Amino acid sequence: MARCSIQVPDSGGSHNPAAVQLTFDRTLLRELVEEVLREAFSALDWPAGRIALDEAEAAQACGVGRHVLRDLRLSGAIKAQKIGRKFVYTRNDLLAALRFNHGGKDQQ
């Protein structure tokens, strides 16, 4: 069963909200983050009938600058396909990059 605990140290009678410590079960926290990401991407205004977005559209959908996606693509952190002169990103490309980046930070 997932656990969450809240510890409030005894501060001699004075309540200091900054002293509150939250401890989350690692599995619970991972599930929560994944659920939030799923909800966020399901709410994306993905254009009907489109299977991919160009770099500018994908950057706007993710809320980042176009150069951020370009740099991630060049470093290999995100997958994209080149069609003609444009690089395009599928919804799965974007989700995979988020999962990969989250997993890398989680393993510190």
PDB file of N, CA and C in Angstrom:
ATOM      1  N   MET A   1       0.846  -1.191   0.000  1.00  0.00           N
ATOM      2  CA  MET A   1       0.000   0.000   0.000  1.00  0.00           C
ATOM      3  C   MET A   1       0.882   1.243   0.000  1.00  0.00           C
ATOM      4  N   ALA A   2       0.523   2.254  -0.773  1.00  0.00           N
ATOM      5  CA  ALA A   2       1.295   3.484  -0.846  1.00  0.00           C
ATOM      6  C   ALA A   2       1.149   4.271   0.444  1.00  0.00           C
ATOM      7  N   ARG A   3       2.226   4.964   0.786  1.00  0.00           N
ATOM      8  CA  ARG A   3       2.228   5.706   2.043  1.00  0.00           C
ATOM      9  C   ARG A   3       2.615   7.154   1.810  1.00  0.00           C
ATOM     10  N   CYS A   4       2.069   7.996   2.649  1.00  0.00           N
ATOM     11  CA  CYS A   4       2.462   9.393   2.717  1.00  0.00           C
ATOM     12  C   CYS A   4       2.459   9.755   4.189  1.00  0.00           C
ATOM     13  N   SER A   5       3.534  10.367   4.657  1.00  0.00           N
ATOM     14  CA  SER A   5       3.552  10.751   6.060  1.00  0.00           C
ATOM     15  C   SER A   5       3.918  12.219   6.191  1.00  0.00           C
ATOM     16  N   ILE A   6       3.381  12.826   7.210  1.00  0.00           N
ATOM     17  CA  ILE A   6       3.664  14.226   7.508  1.00  0.00           C
ATOM     18  C   ILE A   6       4.245  14.281   8.909  1.00  0.00           C
ATOM     19  N   GLN A   7       5.410  14.905   9.030  1.00  0.00           N
ATOM     20  CA  GLN A   7       6.046  15.032  10.333  1.00  0.00           C
ATOM     21  C   GLN A   7       6.153  16.507  10.686  1.00  0.00           C
ATOM     22  N   VAL A   8       5.684  16.847  11.855  1.00  0.00           N
ATOM     23  CA  VAL A   8       5.793  18.213  12.348  1.00  0.00           C
ATOM     24  C   VAL A   8       6.670  18.168  13.588  1.00  0.00           C
ATOM     25  N   PRO A   9       7.922  18.636  13.474  1.00  0.00           N
ATOM     26  CA  PRO A   9       8.812  18.587  14.634  1.00  0.00           C
ATOM     27  C   PRO A   9       8.273  19.425  15.783  1.00  0.00           C
ATOM     28  N   ASP A  10       8.526  18.965  17.007  1.00  0.00           N
ATOM     29  CA  ASP A  10       8.125  19.703  18.200  1.00  0.00           C
ATOM     30  C   ASP A  10       9.045  20.905  18.330  1.00  0.00           C
ATOM     31  N   SER A  11       8.472  22.088  18.208  1.00  0.00           N
ATOM     32  CA  SER A  11       9.284  23.307  18.241  1.00  0.00           C
ATOM     33  C   SER A  11       9.064  24.084  19.528  1.00  0.00           C
ATOM     34  N   GLY A  12       8.791  23.403  20.599  1.00  0.00           N
ATOM     35  CA  GLY A  12       8.642  24.059  21.888  1.00  0.00           C
ATOM     36  C   GLY A  12       7.400  24.911  21.994  1.00  0.00           C
ATOM     37  N   GLY A  13       6.343  24.521  21.325  1.00  0.00           N
ATOM     38  CA  GLY A  13       5.078  25.245  21.450  1.00  0.00           C
ATOM     39  C   GLY A  13       4.808  26.208  20.316  1.00  0.00           C
ATOM     40  N   SER A  14       5.842  26.641  19.603  1.00  0.00           N
ATOM     41  CA  SER A  14       5.573  27.562  18.496  1.00  0.00           C
ATOM     42  C   SER A  14       5.466  26.766  17.209  1.00  0.00           C
ATOM     43  N   HIS A  15       4.445  27.067  16.437  1.00  0.00           N
ATOM     44  CA  HIS A  15       4.210  26.335  15.187  1.00  0.00           C
ATOM     45  C   HIS A  15       4.946  27.048  14.060  1.00  0.00           C
ATOM     46  N   ASN A  16       5.865  26.368  13.412  1.00  0.00           N
ATOM     47  CA  ASN A  16       6.616  26.926  12.291  1.00  0.00           C
ATOM     48  C   ASN A  16       6.274  26.115  11.055  1.00  0.00           C
ATOM     49  N   PRO A  17       5.437  26.638  10.149  1.00  0.00           N
ATOM     50  CA  PRO A  17       5.030  25.867   8.978  1.00  0.00           C
ATOM     51  C   PRO A  17       6.205  25.431   8.105  1.00  0.00           C
ATOM     52  N   ALA A  18       7.304  26.164   8.128  1.00  0.00           N
ATOM     53  CA  ALA A  18       8.456  25.812   7.314  1.00  0.00           C
ATOM     54  C   ALA A  18       9.126  24.541   7.827  1.00  0.00           C
ATOM     55  N   ALA A  19       8.813  24.123   9.040  1.00  0.00           N
ATOM     56  CA  ALA A  19       9.452  22.955   9.618  1.00  0.00           C
ATOM     57  C   ALA A  19       8.695  21.656   9.303  1.00  0.00           C
ATOM     58  N   VAL A  20       7.616  21.748   8.554  1.00  0.00           N
ATOM     59  CA  VAL A  20       6.838  20.559   8.207  1.00  0.00           C
ATOM     60  C   VAL A  20       7.610  19.758   7.158  1.00  0.00           C
ATOM     61  N   GLN A  21       7.721  18.462   7.369  1.00  0.00           N
ATOM     62  CA  GLN A  21       8.419  17.588   6.426  1.00  0.00           C
ATOM     63  C   GLN A  21       7.445  16.559   5.879  1.00  0.00           C
ATOM     64  N   LEU A  22       7.356  16.496   4.551  1.00  0.00           N
ATOM     65  CA  LEU A  22       6.508  15.511   3.889  1.00  0.00           C
ATOM     66  C   LEU A  22       7.387  14.393   3.348  1.00  0.00           C
ATOM     67  N   THR A  23       6.965  13.176   3.570  1.00  0.00           N
ATOM     68  CA  THR A  23       7.690  12.023   3.052  1.00  0.00           C
ATOM     69  C   THR A  23       6.721  11.190   2.232  1.00  0.00           C
ATOM     70  N   PHE A  24       7.102  10.924   0.974  1.00  0.00           N
ATOM     71  CA  PHE A  24       6.251  10.151   0.078  1.00  0.00           C
ATOM     72  C   PHE A  24       6.933   8.844  -0.286  1.00  0.00           C
ATOM     73  N   ASP A  25       6.147   7.817  -0.412  1.00  0.00           N
ATOM     74  CA  ASP A  25       6.629   6.553  -0.939  1.00  0.00           C
ATOM     75  C   ASP A  25       7.056   6.804  -2.386  1.00  0.00           C
ATOM     76  N   ARG A  26       8.239   6.360  -2.772  1.00  0.00           N
ATOM     77  CA  ARG A  26       8.792   6.626  -4.100  1.00  0.00           C
ATOM     78  C   ARG A  26       7.866   6.117  -5.217  1.00  0.00           C
ATOM     79  N   THR A  27       7.280   4.949  -5.035  1.00  0.00           N
ATOM     80  CA  THR A  27       6.382   4.390  -6.041  1.00  0.00           C
ATOM     81  C   THR A  27       5.131   5.257  -6.184  1.00  0.00           C
ATOM     82  N   LEU A  28       4.600   5.702  -5.062  1.00  0.00           N
ATOM     83  CA  LEU A  28       3.422   6.573  -5.095  1.00  0.00           C
ATOM     84  C   LEU A  28       3.729   7.872  -5.831  1.00  0.00           C
ATOM     85  N   LEU A  29       4.872   8.445  -5.555  1.00  0.00           N
ATOM     86  CA  LEU A  29       5.233   9.700  -6.202  1.00  0.00           C
ATOM     87  C   LEU A  29       5.389   9.508  -7.707  1.00  0.00           C
ATOM     88  N   ARG A  30       6.024   8.414  -8.125  1.00  0.00           N
ATOM     89  CA  ARG A  30       6.188   8.125  -9.558  1.00  0.00           C
ATOM     90  C   ARG A  30       4.818   7.982 -10.224  1.00  0.00           C
ATOM     91  N   GLU A  31       3.907   7.232  -9.593  1.00  0.00           N
ATOM     92  CA  GLU A  31       2.564   7.041 -10.152  1.00  0.00           C
ATOM     93  C   GLU A  31       1.831   8.373 -10.265  1.00  0.00           C
ATOM     94  N   LEU A  32       1.993   9.224  -9.270  1.00  0.00           N
ATOM     95  CA  LEU A  32       1.344  10.530  -9.284  1.00  0.00           C
ATOM     96  C   LEU A  32       1.871  11.383 -10.435  1.00  0.00           C
ATOM     97  N   VAL A  33       3.180  11.422 -10.606  1.00  0.00           N
ATOM     98  CA  VAL A  33       3.779  12.205 -11.692  1.00  0.00           C
ATOM     99  C   VAL A  33       3.314  11.677 -13.045  1.00  0.00           C
ATOM    100  N   GLU A  34       3.311  10.358 -13.220  1.00  0.00           N
ATOM    101  CA  GLU A  34       2.869   9.776 -14.487  1.00  0.00           C
ATOM    102  C   GLU A  34       1.401  10.091 -14.769  1.00  0.00           C
ATOM    103  N   GLU A  35       0.577  10.071 -13.747  1.00  0.00           N
ATOM    104  CA  GLU A  35      -0.842  10.398 -13.931  1.00  0.00           C
ATOM    105  C   GLU A  35      -1.020  11.855 -14.337  1.00  0.00           C
ATOM    106  N   VAL A  36      -0.277  12.740 -13.699  1.00  0.00           N
ATOM    107  CA  VAL A  36      -0.360  14.164 -14.042  1.00  0.00           C
ATOM    108  C   VAL A  36       0.090  14.382 -15.484  1.00  0.00           C
ATOM    109  N   LEU A  37       1.169  13.714 -15.894  1.00  0.00           N
ATOM    110  CA  LEU A  37       1.635  13.846 -17.277  1.00  0.00           C
ATOM    111  C   LEU A  37       0.595  13.329 -18.263  1.00  0.00           C
ATOM    112  N   ARG A  38      -0.021  12.181 -17.945  1.00  0.00           N
ATOM    113  CA  ARG A  38      -1.066  11.642 -18.820  1.00  0.00           C
ATOM    114  C   ARG A  38      -2.220  12.632 -18.967  1.00  0.00           C
ATOM    115  N   GLU A  39      -2.639  13.211 -17.852  1.00  0.00           N
ATOM    116  CA  GLU A  39      -3.751  14.164 -17.896  1.00  0.00           C
ATOM    117  C   GLU A  39      -3.367  15.413 -18.681  1.00  0.00           C
ATOM    118  N   ALA A  40      -2.143  15.883 -18.476  1.00  0.00           N
ATOM    119  CA  ALA A  40      -1.698  17.088 -19.179  1.00  0.00           C
ATOM    120  C   ALA A  40      -1.669  16.858 -20.684  1.00  0.00           C
ATOM    121  N   PHE A  41      -1.138  15.711 -21.111  1.00  0.00           N
ATOM    122  CA  PHE A  41      -1.069  15.437 -22.541  1.00  0.00           C
ATOM    123  C   PHE A  41      -2.427  15.111 -23.138  1.00  0.00           C
ATOM    124  N   SER A  42      -3.312  14.540 -22.343  1.00  0.00           N
ATOM    125  CA  SER A  42      -4.648  14.278 -22.887  1.00  0.00           C
ATOM    126  C   SER A  42      -5.402  15.581 -23.091  1.00  0.00           C
ATOM    127  N   ALA A  43      -5.011  16.622 -22.365  1.00  0.00           N
ATOM    128  CA  ALA A  43      -5.676  17.911 -22.487  1.00  0.00           C
ATOM    129  C   ALA A  43      -5.055  18.774 -23.586  1.00  0.00           C
ATOM    130  N   LEU A  44      -3.921  18.324 -24.146  1.00  0.00           N
ATOM    131  CA  LEU A  44      -3.303  19.091 -25.221  1.00  0.00           C
ATOM    132  C   LEU A  44      -4.285  19.266 -26.364  1.00  0.00           C
ATOM    133  N   ASP A  45      -4.217  20.405 -26.948  1.00  0.00           N
ATOM    134  CA  ASP A  45      -5.066  20.674 -28.102  1.00  0.00           C
ATOM    135  C   ASP A  45      -4.356  20.152 -29.343  1.00  0.00           C
ATOM    136  N   TRP A  46      -4.317  18.823 -29.474  1.00  0.00           N
ATOM    137  CA  TRP A  46      -3.680  18.187 -30.622  1.00  0.00           C
ATOM    138  C   TRP A  46      -4.621  18.327 -31.801  1.00  0.00           C
ATOM    139  N   PRO A  47      -4.152  18.904 -32.878  1.00  0.00           N
ATOM    140  CA  PRO A  47      -5.034  19.136 -34.021  1.00  0.00           C
ATOM    141  C   PRO A  47      -5.657  17.844 -34.558  1.00  0.00           C
ATOM    142  N   ALA A  48      -6.944  17.866 -34.765  1.00  0.00           N
ATOM    143  CA  ALA A  48      -7.657  16.690 -35.263  1.00  0.00           C
ATOM    144  C   ALA A  48      -7.119  16.298 -36.634  1.00  0.00           C
ATOM    145  N   GLY A  49      -6.913  14.995 -36.798  1.00  0.00           N
ATOM    146  CA  GLY A  49      -6.457  14.490 -38.078  1.00  0.00           C
ATOM    147  C   GLY A  49      -4.958  14.589 -38.309  1.00  0.00           C
ATOM    148  N   ARG A  50      -4.224  15.173 -37.380  1.00  0.00           N
ATOM    149  CA  ARG A  50      -2.773  15.310 -37.530  1.00  0.00           C
ATOM    150  C   ARG A  50      -2.083  14.188 -36.767  1.00  0.00           C
ATOM    151  N   ILE A  51      -1.070  13.589 -37.374  1.00  0.00           N
ATOM    152  CA  ILE A  51      -0.319  12.546 -36.677  1.00  0.00           C
ATOM    153  C   ILE A  51       1.015  13.072 -36.161  1.00  0.00           C
ATOM    154  N   ALA A  52       1.399  14.264 -36.598  1.00  0.00           N
ATOM    155  CA  ALA A  52       2.658  14.852 -36.146  1.00  0.00           C
ATOM    156  C   ALA A  52       2.569  16.374 -36.214  1.00  0.00           C
ATOM    157  N   LEU A  53       3.417  17.010 -35.426  1.00  0.00           N
ATOM    158  CA  LEU A  53       3.501  18.470 -35.414  1.00  0.00           C
ATOM    159  C   LEU A  53       4.907  18.871 -35.815  1.00  0.00           C
ATOM    160  N   ASP A  54       5.034  20.005 -36.515  1.00  0.00           N
ATOM    161  CA  ASP A  54       6.377  20.476 -36.827  1.00  0.00           C
ATOM    162  C   ASP A  54       7.015  21.038 -35.549  1.00  0.00           C
ATOM    163  N   GLU A  55       8.276  21.407 -35.651  1.00  0.00           N
ATOM    164  CA  GLU A  55       9.009  21.801 -34.451  1.00  0.00           C
ATOM    165  C   GLU A  55       8.375  22.991 -33.727  1.00  0.00           C
ATOM    166  N   ALA A  56       7.927  23.981 -34.472  1.00  0.00           N
ATOM    167  CA  ALA A  56       7.305  25.149 -33.850  1.00  0.00           C
ATOM    168  C   ALA A  56       6.003  24.781 -33.145  1.00  0.00           C
ATOM    169  N   GLU A  57       5.177  23.963 -33.805  1.00  0.00           N
ATOM    170  CA  GLU A  57       3.901  23.544 -33.219  1.00  0.00           C
ATOM    171  C   GLU A  57       4.128  22.666 -31.982  1.00  0.00           C
ATOM    172  N   ALA A  58       5.081  21.733 -32.065  1.00  0.00           N
ATOM    173  CA  ALA A  58       5.370  20.844 -30.931  1.00  0.00           C
ATOM    174  C   ALA A  58       5.908  21.643 -29.748  1.00  0.00           C
ATOM    175  N   ALA A  59       6.767  22.601 -30.023  1.00  0.00           N
ATOM    176  CA  ALA A  59       7.306  23.446 -28.951  1.00  0.00           C
ATOM    177  C   ALA A  59       6.186  24.221 -28.277  1.00  0.00           C
ATOM    178  N   GLN A  60       5.281  24.776 -29.067  1.00  0.00           N
ATOM    179  CA  GLN A  60       4.155  25.520 -28.508  1.00  0.00           C
ATOM    180  C   GLN A  60       3.270  24.599 -27.670  1.00  0.00           C
ATOM    181  N   ALA A  61       3.020  23.383 -28.171  1.00  0.00           N
ATOM    182  CA  ALA A  61       2.183  22.429 -27.436  1.00  0.00           C
ATOM    183  C   ALA A  61       2.818  22.048 -26.102  1.00  0.00           C
ATOM    184  N   CYS A  62       4.145  21.999 -26.064  1.00  0.00           N
ATOM    185  CA  CYS A  62       4.852  21.640 -24.817  1.00  0.00           C
ATOM    186  C   CYS A  62       5.102  22.847 -23.926  1.00  0.00           C
ATOM    187  N   GLY A  63       4.885  24.034 -24.456  1.00  0.00           N
ATOM    188  CA  GLY A  63       5.112  25.236 -23.657  1.00  0.00           C
ATOM    189  C   GLY A  63       6.582  25.606 -23.529  1.00  0.00           C
ATOM    190  N   VAL A  64       7.382  25.247 -24.530  1.00  0.00           N
ATOM    191  CA  VAL A  64       8.806  25.588 -24.523  1.00  0.00           C
ATOM    192  C   VAL A  64       9.155  26.287 -25.821  1.00  0.00           C
ATOM    193  N   GLY A  65      10.334  26.867 -25.868  1.00  0.00           N
ATOM    194  CA  GLY A  65      10.796  27.512 -27.084  1.00  0.00           C
ATOM    195  C   GLY A  65      11.203  26.495 -28.133  1.00  0.00           C
ATOM    196  N   ARG A  66      11.126  26.916 -29.379  1.00  0.00           N
ATOM    197  CA  ARG A  66      11.488  26.029 -30.489  1.00  0.00           C
ATOM    198  C   ARG A  66      12.931  25.540 -30.352  1.00  0.00           C
ATOM    199  N   HIS A  67      13.804  26.413 -29.888  1.00  0.00           N
ATOM    200  CA  HIS A  67      15.216  26.052 -29.734  1.00  0.00           C
ATOM    201  C   HIS A  67      15.419  24.935 -28.697  1.00  0.00           C
ATOM    202  N   VAL A  68      14.506  24.845 -27.720  1.00  0.00           N
ATOM    203  CA  VAL A  68      14.607  23.791 -26.704  1.00  0.00           C
ATOM    204  C   VAL A  68      14.418  22.428 -27.363  1.00  0.00           C
ATOM    205  N   LEU A  69      13.374  22.291 -28.186  1.00  0.00           N
ATOM    206  CA  LEU A  69      13.158  21.023 -28.890  1.00  0.00           C
ATOM    207  C   LEU A  69      14.296  20.728 -29.852  1.00  0.00           C
ATOM    208  N   ARG A  70      14.766  21.753 -30.544  1.00  0.00           N
ATOM    209  CA  ARG A  70      15.883  21.546 -31.473  1.00  0.00           C
ATOM    210  C   ARG A  70      17.110  21.017 -30.735  1.00  0.00           C
ATOM    211  N   ASP A  71      17.438  21.626 -29.592  1.00  0.00           N
ATOM    212  CA  ASP A  71      18.602  21.191 -28.824  1.00  0.00           C
ATOM    213  C   ASP A  71      18.426  19.770 -28.288  1.00  0.00           C
ATOM    214  N   LEU A  72      17.213  19.439 -27.830  1.00  0.00           N
ATOM    215  CA  LEU A  72      16.947  18.074 -27.349  1.00  0.00           C
ATOM    216  C   LEU A  72      17.065  17.069 -28.498  1.00  0.00           C
ATOM    217  N   ARG A  73      16.572  17.450 -29.675  1.00  0.00           N
ATOM    218  CA  ARG A  73      16.666  16.571 -30.842  1.00  0.00           C
ATOM    219  C   ARG A  73      18.123  16.351 -31.229  1.00  0.00           C
ATOM    220  N   LEU A  74      18.909  17.418 -31.272  1.00  0.00           N
ATOM    221  CA  LEU A  74      20.320  17.311 -31.652  1.00  0.00           C
ATOM    222  C   LEU A  74      21.132  16.505 -30.644  1.00  0.00           C
ATOM    223  N   SER A  75      20.739  16.550 -29.367  1.00  0.00           N
ATOM    224  CA  SER A  75      21.467  15.791 -28.343  1.00  0.00           C
ATOM    225  C   SER A  75      21.001  14.336 -28.271  1.00  0.00           C
ATOM    226  N   GLY A  76      19.921  14.007 -28.986  1.00  0.00           N
ATOM    227  CA  GLY A  76      19.403  12.646 -28.971  1.00  0.00           C
ATOM    228  C   GLY A  76      18.415  12.383 -27.846  1.00  0.00           C
ATOM    229  N   ALA A  77      18.050  13.417 -27.087  1.00  0.00           N
ATOM    230  CA  ALA A  77      17.133  13.247 -25.959  1.00  0.00           C
ATOM    231  C   ALA A  77      15.676  13.142 -26.393  1.00  0.00           C
ATOM    232  N   ILE A  78      15.383  13.537 -27.625  1.00  0.00           N
ATOM    233  CA  ILE A  78      14.024  13.416 -28.140  1.00  0.00           C
ATOM    234  C   ILE A  78      14.098  12.957 -29.593  1.00  0.00           C
ATOM    235  N   LYS A  79      13.188  12.091 -29.945  1.00  0.00           N
ATOM    236  CA  LYS A  79      13.139  11.534 -31.295  1.00  0.00           C
ATOM    237  C   LYS A  79      12.250  12.404 -32.172  1.00  0.00           C
ATOM    238  N   ALA A  80      12.681  12.591 -33.402  1.00  0.00           N
ATOM    239  CA  ALA A  80      11.882  13.315 -34.383  1.00  0.00           C
ATOM    240  C   ALA A  80      12.153  12.690 -35.742  1.00  0.00           C
ATOM    241  N   GLN A  81      11.247  12.919 -36.674  1.00  0.00           N
ATOM    242  CA  GLN A  81      11.427  12.421 -38.027  1.00  0.00           C
ATOM    243  C   GLN A  81      11.556  13.618 -38.953  1.00  0.00           C
ATOM    244  N   LYS A  82      12.439  13.481 -39.932  1.00  0.00           N
ATOM    245  CA  LYS A  82      12.581  14.544 -40.925  1.00  0.00           C
ATOM    246  C   LYS A  82      11.737  14.192 -42.131  1.00  0.00           C
ATOM    247  N   ILE A  83      10.824  15.086 -42.446  1.00  0.00           N
ATOM    248  CA  ILE A  83       9.976  14.921 -43.619  1.00  0.00           C
ATOM    249  C   ILE A  83      10.190  16.163 -44.475  1.00  0.00           C
ATOM    250  N   GLY A  84      10.781  15.952 -45.625  1.00  0.00           N
ATOM    251  CA  GLY A  84      11.148  17.098 -46.459  1.00  0.00           C
ATOM    252  C   GLY A  84      12.207  17.909 -45.749  1.00  0.00           C
ATOM    253  N   ARG A  85      11.939  19.171 -45.547  1.00  0.00           N
ATOM    254  CA  ARG A  85      12.888  20.048 -44.858  1.00  0.00           C
ATOM    255  C   ARG A  85      12.566  20.228 -43.379  1.00  0.00           C
ATOM    256  N   LYS A  86      11.459  19.646 -42.943  1.00  0.00           N
ATOM    257  CA  LYS A  86      11.005  19.871 -41.562  1.00  0.00           C
ATOM    258  C   LYS A  86      11.212  18.646 -40.689  1.00  0.00           C
ATOM    259  N   PHE A  87      11.457  18.907 -39.420  1.00  0.00           N
ATOM    260  CA  PHE A  87      11.441  17.851 -38.414  1.00  0.00           C
ATOM    261  C   PHE A  87      10.066  17.856 -37.783  1.00  0.00           C
ATOM    262  N   VAL A  88       9.499  16.662 -37.621  1.00  0.00           N
ATOM    263  CA  VAL A  88       8.178  16.561 -37.011  1.00  0.00           C
ATOM    264  C   VAL A  88       8.234  15.632 -35.808  1.00  0.00           C
ATOM    265  N   TYR A  89       7.312  15.847 -34.884  1.00  0.00           N
ATOM    266  CA  TYR A  89       7.240  15.109 -33.633  1.00  0.00           C
ATOM    267  C   TYR A  89       5.846  14.524 -33.486  1.00  0.00           C
ATOM    268  N   THR A  90       5.791  13.270 -33.135  1.00  0.00           N
ATOM    269  CA  THR A  90       4.497  12.662 -32.835  1.00  0.00           C
ATOM    270  C   THR A  90       4.228  12.834 -31.350  1.00  0.00           C
ATOM    271  N   ARG A  91       3.002  12.604 -30.993  1.00  0.00           N
ATOM    272  CA  ARG A  91       2.634  12.659 -29.575  1.00  0.00           C
ATOM    273  C   ARG A  91       3.471  11.641 -28.782  1.00  0.00           C
ATOM    274  N   ASN A  92       3.689  10.461 -29.364  1.00  0.00           N
ATOM    275  CA  ASN A  92       4.496   9.440 -28.691  1.00  0.00           C
ATOM    276  C   ASN A  92       5.946   9.880 -28.524  1.00  0.00           C
ATOM    277  N   ASP A  93       6.507  10.612 -29.519  1.00  0.00           N
ATOM    278  CA  ASP A  93       7.869  11.141 -29.390  1.00  0.00           C
ATOM    279  C   ASP A  93       7.966  12.046 -28.163  1.00  0.00           C
ATOM    280  N   LEU A  94       6.981  12.917 -28.025  1.00  0.00           N
ATOM    281  CA  LEU A  94       6.997  13.887 -26.923  1.00  0.00           C
ATOM    282  C   LEU A  94       6.811  13.193 -25.572  1.00  0.00           C
ATOM    283  N   LEU A  95       5.880  12.253 -25.507  1.00  0.00           N
ATOM    284  CA  LEU A  95       5.657  11.519 -24.255  1.00  0.00           C
ATOM    285  C   LEU A  95       6.882  10.695 -23.864  1.00  0.00           C
ATOM    286  N   ALA A  96       7.511  10.050 -24.846  1.00  0.00           N
ATOM    287  CA  ALA A  96       8.701   9.236 -24.568  1.00  0.00           C
ATOM    288  C   ALA A  96       9.827  10.105 -24.024  1.00  0.00           C
ATOM    289  N   ALA A  97       9.987  11.293 -24.571  1.00  0.00           N
ATOM    290  CA  ALA A  97      11.039  12.194 -24.085  1.00  0.00           C
ATOM    291  C   ALA A  97      10.768  12.614 -22.643  1.00  0.00           C
ATOM    292  N   LEU A  98       9.520  12.876 -22.318  1.00  0.00           N
ATOM    293  CA  LEU A  98       9.179  13.243 -20.939  1.00  0.00           C
ATOM    294  C   LEU A  98       9.443  12.087 -19.985  1.00  0.00           C
ATOM    295  N   ARG A  99       9.071  10.886 -20.392  1.00  0.00           N
ATOM    296  CA  ARG A  99       9.318   9.713 -19.538  1.00  0.00           C
ATOM    297  C   ARG A  99      10.803   9.483 -19.355  1.00  0.00           C
ATOM    298  N   PHE A 100      11.575   9.603 -20.438  1.00  0.00           N
ATOM    299  CA  PHE A 100      13.015   9.376 -20.383  1.00  0.00           C
ATOM    300  C   PHE A 100      13.671  10.408 -19.474  1.00  0.00           C
ATOM    301  N   ASN A 101      13.320  11.675 -19.660  1.00  0.00           N
ATOM    302  CA  ASN A 101      13.933  12.738 -18.841  1.00  0.00           C
ATOM    303  C   ASN A 101      13.546  12.593 -17.380  1.00  0.00           C
ATOM    304  N   HIS A 102      12.296  12.200 -17.107  1.00  0.00           N
ATOM    305  CA  HIS A 102      11.877  11.984 -15.719  1.00  0.00           C
ATOM    306  C   HIS A 102      12.624  10.809 -15.116  1.00  0.00           C
ATOM    307  N   GLY A 103      12.756   9.725 -15.864  1.00  0.00           N
ATOM    308  CA  GLY A 103      13.446   8.528 -15.370  1.00  0.00           C
ATOM    309  C   GLY A 103      14.907   8.803 -15.087  1.00  0.00           C
ATOM    310  N   GLY A 104      15.561   9.611 -15.901  1.00  0.00           N
ATOM    311  CA  GLY A 104      16.972   9.932 -15.690  1.00  0.00           C
ATOM    312  C   GLY A 104      17.188  10.714 -14.415  1.00  0.00           C
ATOM    313  N   LYS A 105      16.311  11.677 -14.126  1.00  0.00           N
ATOM    314  CA  LYS A 105      16.455  12.467 -12.910  1.00  0.00           C
ATOM    315  C   LYS A 105      16.090  11.665 -11.680  1.00  0.00           C
ATOM    316  N   ASP A 106      15.167  10.714 -11.854  1.00  0.00           N
ATOM    317  CA  ASP A 106      14.690   9.916 -10.729  1.00  0.00           C
ATOM    318  C   ASP A 106      15.759   8.958 -10.202  1.00  0.00           C
ATOM    319  N   GLN A 107      16.771   8.656 -11.027  1.00  0.00           N
ATOM    320  CA  GLN A 107      17.741   7.643 -10.648  1.00  0.00           C
ATOM    321  C   GLN A 107      18.982   8.243 -10.022  1.00  0.00           C
ATOM    322  N   GLN A 108      18.957   9.467  -9.546  1.00  0.00           N
ATOM    323  CA  GLN A 108      20.115  10.094  -8.898  1.00  0.00           C
ATOM    324  C   GLN A 108      20.422   9.432  -7.594  1.00  0.00           C
TER     325      GLN A 108
END
